C-alpha atoms as a PDB file:
ATOM      1  CA  UNK A   1     244.121 222.423 148.315  1.00  0.00           C
ATOM      2  CA  UNK A   2     244.569 223.071 144.609  1.00  0.00           C
ATOM      3  CA  UNK A   3     240.952 222.452 143.561  1.00  0.00           C
ATOM      4  CA  UNK A   4     237.614 221.447 145.063  1.00  0.00           C
ATOM      5  CA  UNK A   5     237.848 218.380 142.816  1.00  0.00           C
ATOM      6  CA  UNK A   6     240.159 216.979 145.539  1.00  0.00           C
ATOM      7  CA  UNK A   7     237.335 216.890 148.119  1.00  0.00           C
ATOM      8  CA  UNK A   8     236.118 213.328 148.759  1.00  0.00           C
ATOM      9  CA  UNK A   9     232.476 213.977 147.773  1.00  0.00           C
ATOM     10  CA  UNK A  10     233.430 215.761 144.562  1.00  0.00           C
ATOM     11  CA  UNK A  11     235.798 212.902 143.673  1.00  0.00           C
ATOM     12  CA  UNK A  12     233.019 210.411 144.438  1.00  0.00           C
ATOM     13  CA  UNK A  13     230.554 212.033 142.052  1.00  0.00           C
ATOM     14  CA  UNK A  14     233.188 212.679 139.383  1.00  0.00           C
ATOM     15  CA  UNK A  15     233.479 216.490 139.309  1.00  0.00           C
ATOM     16  CA  UNK A  16     236.295 217.446 136.944  1.00  0.00           C
ATOM     17  CA  UNK A  17     238.275 220.620 136.282  1.00  0.00           C
ATOM     18  CA  UNK A  18     236.759 222.456 133.316  1.00  0.00           C
ATOM     19  CA  UNK A  19     238.307 222.735 129.880  1.00  0.00           C
ATOM     20  CA  UNK A  20     239.086 226.455 130.112  1.00  0.00           C
ATOM     21  CA  UNK A  21     239.073 229.463 132.468  1.00  0.00           C
ATOM     22  CA  UNK A  22     235.408 230.267 131.761  1.00  0.00           C
ATOM     23  CA  UNK A  23     234.196 226.748 132.552  1.00  0.00           C
ATOM     24  CA  UNK A  24     235.556 226.116 136.044  1.00  0.00           C
ATOM     25  CA  UNK A  25     234.209 222.608 136.540  1.00  0.00           C
ATOM     26  CA  UNK A  26     232.245 219.953 134.729  1.00  0.00           C
ATOM     27  CA  UNK A  27     230.369 216.723 135.212  1.00  0.00           C
ATOM     28  CA  UNK A  28     231.055 214.220 132.452  1.00  0.00           C
ATOM     29  CA  UNK A  29     228.268 212.506 130.608  1.00  0.00           C
ATOM     30  CA  UNK A  30     227.202 209.263 132.215  1.00  0.00           C
ATOM     31  CA  UNK A  31     224.296 207.058 133.166  1.00  0.00           C
ATOM     32  CA  UNK A  32     225.067 207.443 136.889  1.00  0.00           C
ATOM     33  CA  UNK A  33     223.959 211.112 136.728  1.00  0.00           C
ATOM     34  CA  UNK A  34     220.542 210.436 135.197  1.00  0.00           C
ATOM     35  CA  UNK A  35     217.095 210.675 136.740  1.00  0.00           C
ATOM     36  CA  UNK A  36     213.934 208.743 135.889  1.00  0.00           C
ATOM     37  CA  UNK A  37     213.437 210.905 132.759  1.00  0.00           C
ATOM     38  CA  UNK A  38     216.892 210.195 131.352  1.00  0.00           C
ATOM     39  CA  UNK A  39     218.154 213.730 132.003  1.00  0.00           C
ATOM     40  CA  UNK A  40     220.788 214.864 134.517  1.00  0.00           C
ATOM     41  CA  UNK A  41     219.448 214.565 138.075  1.00  0.00           C
ATOM     42  CA  UNK A  42     218.722 217.801 139.966  1.00  0.00           C
ATOM     43  CA  UNK A  43     220.997 216.729 142.828  1.00  0.00           C
ATOM     44  CA  UNK A  44     223.928 216.283 140.445  1.00  0.00           C
ATOM     45  CA  UNK A  45     223.338 219.781 139.046  1.00  0.00           C
ATOM     46  CA  UNK A  46     223.153 221.306 142.534  1.00  0.00           C
ATOM     47  CA  UNK A  47     226.347 219.523 143.582  1.00  0.00           C
ATOM     48  CA  UNK A  48     228.135 220.913 140.518  1.00  0.00           C
ATOM     49  CA  UNK A  49     226.822 224.436 141.199  1.00  0.00           C
ATOM     50  CA  UNK A  50     227.999 224.335 144.830  1.00  0.00           C
ATOM     51  CA  UNK A  51     231.397 222.959 143.817  1.00  0.00           C
ATOM     52  CA  UNK A  52     231.844 225.619 141.125  1.00  0.00           C
ATOM     53  CA  UNK A  53     231.083 228.419 143.580  1.00  0.00           C
ATOM     54  CA  UNK A  54     233.644 226.958 145.959  1.00  0.00           C
ATOM     55  CA  UNK A  55     236.208 226.620 143.168  1.00  0.00           C
ATOM     56  CA  UNK A  56     235.678 230.269 142.234  1.00  0.00           C
ATOM     57  CA  UNK A  57     236.317 231.374 145.827  1.00  0.00           C
ATOM     58  CA  UNK A  58     239.273 229.024 146.206  1.00  0.00           C
ATOM     59  CA  UNK A  59     240.923 230.579 143.172  1.00  0.00           C
ATOM     60  CA  UNK A  60     240.175 234.105 144.410  1.00  0.00           C
ATOM     61  CA  UNK A  61     241.507 233.380 147.888  1.00  0.00           C
ATOM     62  CA  UNK A  62     244.586 231.649 146.433  1.00  0.00           C
ATOM     63  CA  UNK A  63     244.047 228.113 147.730  1.00  0.00           C
ATOM     64  CA  UNK A  64     241.909 229.103 150.709  1.00  0.00           C
ATOM     65  CA  UNK A  65     244.747 228.988 153.231  1.00  0.00           C
ATOM     66  CA  UNK A  66     243.730 230.639 156.472  1.00  0.00           C
ATOM     67  CA  UNK A  67     239.952 230.566 155.924  1.00  0.00           C
ATOM     68  CA  UNK A  68     237.092 228.224 156.664  1.00  0.00           C
ATOM     69  CA  UNK A  69     234.242 228.565 154.129  1.00  0.00           C
ATOM     70  CA  UNK A  70     230.764 227.121 154.742  1.00  0.00           C
ATOM     71  CA  UNK A  71     227.752 227.232 152.432  1.00  0.00           C
ATOM     72  CA  UNK A  72     224.958 229.154 154.088  1.00  0.00           C
ATOM     73  CA  UNK A  73     222.288 229.137 151.369  1.00  0.00           C
ATOM     74  CA  UNK A  74     221.689 228.009 147.804  1.00  0.00           C
ATOM     75  CA  UNK A  75     218.980 229.389 145.556  1.00  0.00           C
ATOM     76  CA  UNK A  76     218.638 227.696 142.208  1.00  0.00           C
ATOM     77  CA  UNK A  77     216.390 227.900 139.195  1.00  0.00           C
ATOM     78  CA  UNK A  78     216.213 224.896 136.921  1.00  0.00           C
ATOM     79  CA  UNK A  79     215.760 226.203 133.386  1.00  0.00           C
ATOM     80  CA  UNK A  80     215.852 223.203 131.035  1.00  0.00           C
ATOM     81  CA  UNK A  81     216.524 219.485 131.376  1.00  0.00           C
ATOM     82  CA  UNK A  82     220.259 218.790 131.086  1.00  0.00           C
ATOM     83  CA  UNK A  83     221.667 216.091 128.831  1.00  0.00           C
ATOM     84  CA  UNK A  84     225.224 214.857 128.477  1.00  0.00           C
ATOM     85  CA  UNK A  85     228.115 216.590 130.169  1.00  0.00           C
ATOM     86  CA  UNK A  86     227.469 219.783 132.141  1.00  0.00           C
ATOM     87  CA  UNK A  87     229.876 222.718 132.545  1.00  0.00           C
ATOM     88  CA  UNK A  88     229.825 225.374 135.264  1.00  0.00           C
ATOM     89  CA  UNK A  89     230.870 229.013 135.256  1.00  0.00           C
ATOM     90  CA  UNK A  90     230.850 231.319 138.277  1.00  0.00           C
ATOM     91  CA  UNK A  91     231.162 235.041 138.899  1.00  0.00           C
ATOM     92  CA  UNK A  92     231.028 237.765 141.521  1.00  0.00           C
ATOM     93  CA  UNK A  93     230.826 241.518 140.966  1.00  0.00           C
ATOM     94  CA  UNK A  94     234.381 242.899 141.481  1.00  0.00           C
ATOM     95  CA  UNK A  95     233.206 245.325 144.182  1.00  0.00           C
ATOM     96  CA  UNK A  96     231.866 242.412 146.232  1.00  0.00           C
ATOM     97  CA  UNK A  97     235.169 240.569 145.929  1.00  0.00           C
ATOM     98  CA  UNK A  98     236.929 243.683 147.233  1.00  0.00           C
ATOM     99  CA  UNK A  99     234.459 243.810 150.140  1.00  0.00           C
ATOM    100  CA  UNK A 100     235.120 240.125 150.849  1.00  0.00           C
ATOM    101  CA  UNK A 101     238.840 240.797 151.111  1.00  0.00           C
ATOM    102  CA  UNK A 102     238.388 243.879 153.296  1.00  0.00           C
ATOM    103  CA  UNK A 103     235.865 242.172 155.609  1.00  0.00           C
ATOM    104  CA  UNK A 104     238.172 239.184 156.080  1.00  0.00           C
ATOM    105  CA  UNK A 105     241.038 241.515 156.925  1.00  0.00           C
ATOM    106  CA  UNK A 106     239.048 243.835 159.207  1.00  0.00           C
ATOM    107  CA  UNK A 107     236.539 241.470 160.844  1.00  0.00           C
ATOM    108  CA  UNK A 108     237.996 238.019 160.270  1.00  0.00           C
ATOM    109  CA  UNK A 109     234.763 236.885 158.595  1.00  0.00           C
ATOM    110  CA  UNK A 110     232.618 237.683 155.580  1.00  0.00           C
ATOM    111  CA  UNK A 111     229.535 236.742 153.572  1.00  0.00           C
ATOM    112  CA  UNK A 112     229.548 236.530 149.800  1.00  0.00           C
ATOM    113  CA  UNK A 113     227.187 235.211 147.139  1.00  0.00           C
ATOM    114  CA  UNK A 114     228.586 233.590 144.024  1.00  0.00           C
ATOM    115  CA  UNK A 115     226.488 233.434 140.844  1.00  0.00           C
ATOM    116  CA  UNK A 116     226.731 230.112 139.010  1.00  0.00           C
ATOM    117  CA  UNK A 117     225.499 229.149 135.558  1.00  0.00           C
ATOM    118  CA  UNK A 118     225.359 225.591 134.240  1.00  0.00           C
ATOM    119  CA  UNK A 119     225.199 224.623 130.565  1.00  0.00           C
ATOM    120  CA  UNK A 120     224.904 221.147 129.120  1.00  0.00           C
ATOM    121  CA  UNK A 121     226.886 219.796 126.180  1.00  0.00           C
ATOM    122  CA  UNK A 122     224.352 221.189 123.687  1.00  0.00           C
ATOM    123  CA  UNK A 123     224.918 224.676 125.124  1.00  0.00           C
ATOM    124  CA  UNK A 124     221.507 224.840 126.801  1.00  0.00           C
ATOM    125  CA  UNK A 125     221.380 226.981 129.952  1.00  0.00           C
ATOM    126  CA  UNK A 126     220.134 224.379 132.432  1.00  0.00           C
ATOM    127  CA  UNK A 127     220.519 226.047 135.834  1.00  0.00           C
ATOM    128  CA  UNK A 128     221.201 229.436 137.377  1.00  0.00           C
ATOM    129  CA  UNK A 129     222.094 229.606 141.068  1.00  0.00           C
ATOM    130  CA  UNK A 130     223.316 231.872 143.811  1.00  0.00           C
ATOM    131  CA  UNK A 131     225.450 230.221 146.481  1.00  0.00           C
ATOM    132  CA  UNK A 132     225.971 232.232 149.657  1.00  0.00           C
ATOM    133  CA  UNK A 133     229.117 231.483 151.652  1.00  0.00           C
ATOM    134  CA  UNK A 134     230.064 232.384 155.213  1.00  0.00           C
ATOM    135  CA  UNK A 135     233.848 232.617 155.395  1.00  0.00           C
ATOM    136  CA  UNK A 136     235.624 232.658 158.745  1.00  0.00           C
ATOM    137  CA  UNK A 137     239.267 233.575 159.016  1.00  0.00           C
ATOM    138  CA  UNK A 138     241.339 230.857 160.611  1.00  0.00           C
ATOM    139  CA  UNK A 139     244.184 233.176 161.462  1.00  0.00           C
ATOM    140  CA  UNK A 140     246.635 232.463 164.293  1.00  0.00           C
ATOM    141  CA  UNK A 141     245.929 234.651 167.325  1.00  0.00           C
END
């Protein structure tokens, strides 16, 4: 898989590849993403945050071949109402990425949390999240 945008759910909701390396993914502006207040629905923001964390790991693991990742937990803080398109960035401390790689090699499994930040088209910081992944190696025995 080249990108999490290929997953059926992410296609269904319209997740797109971001415009640059910093903004991994984005949701375009559109009425279908709005809540009763006319701002981007919380569920749409959470879906984008989860997808961005997965995209970050996919890129780190070089297409995810040989592993099975599963979201274990999401903690999110909604900061401001989002309007228009929303972009996502994700990061992990380099030492934790090194531990991920070593745990997968040594144990065949690992846990890692990916920090995600969402900003709307005005630049407002609308959500901060931590997405914890359990990753199981799917290596031939």
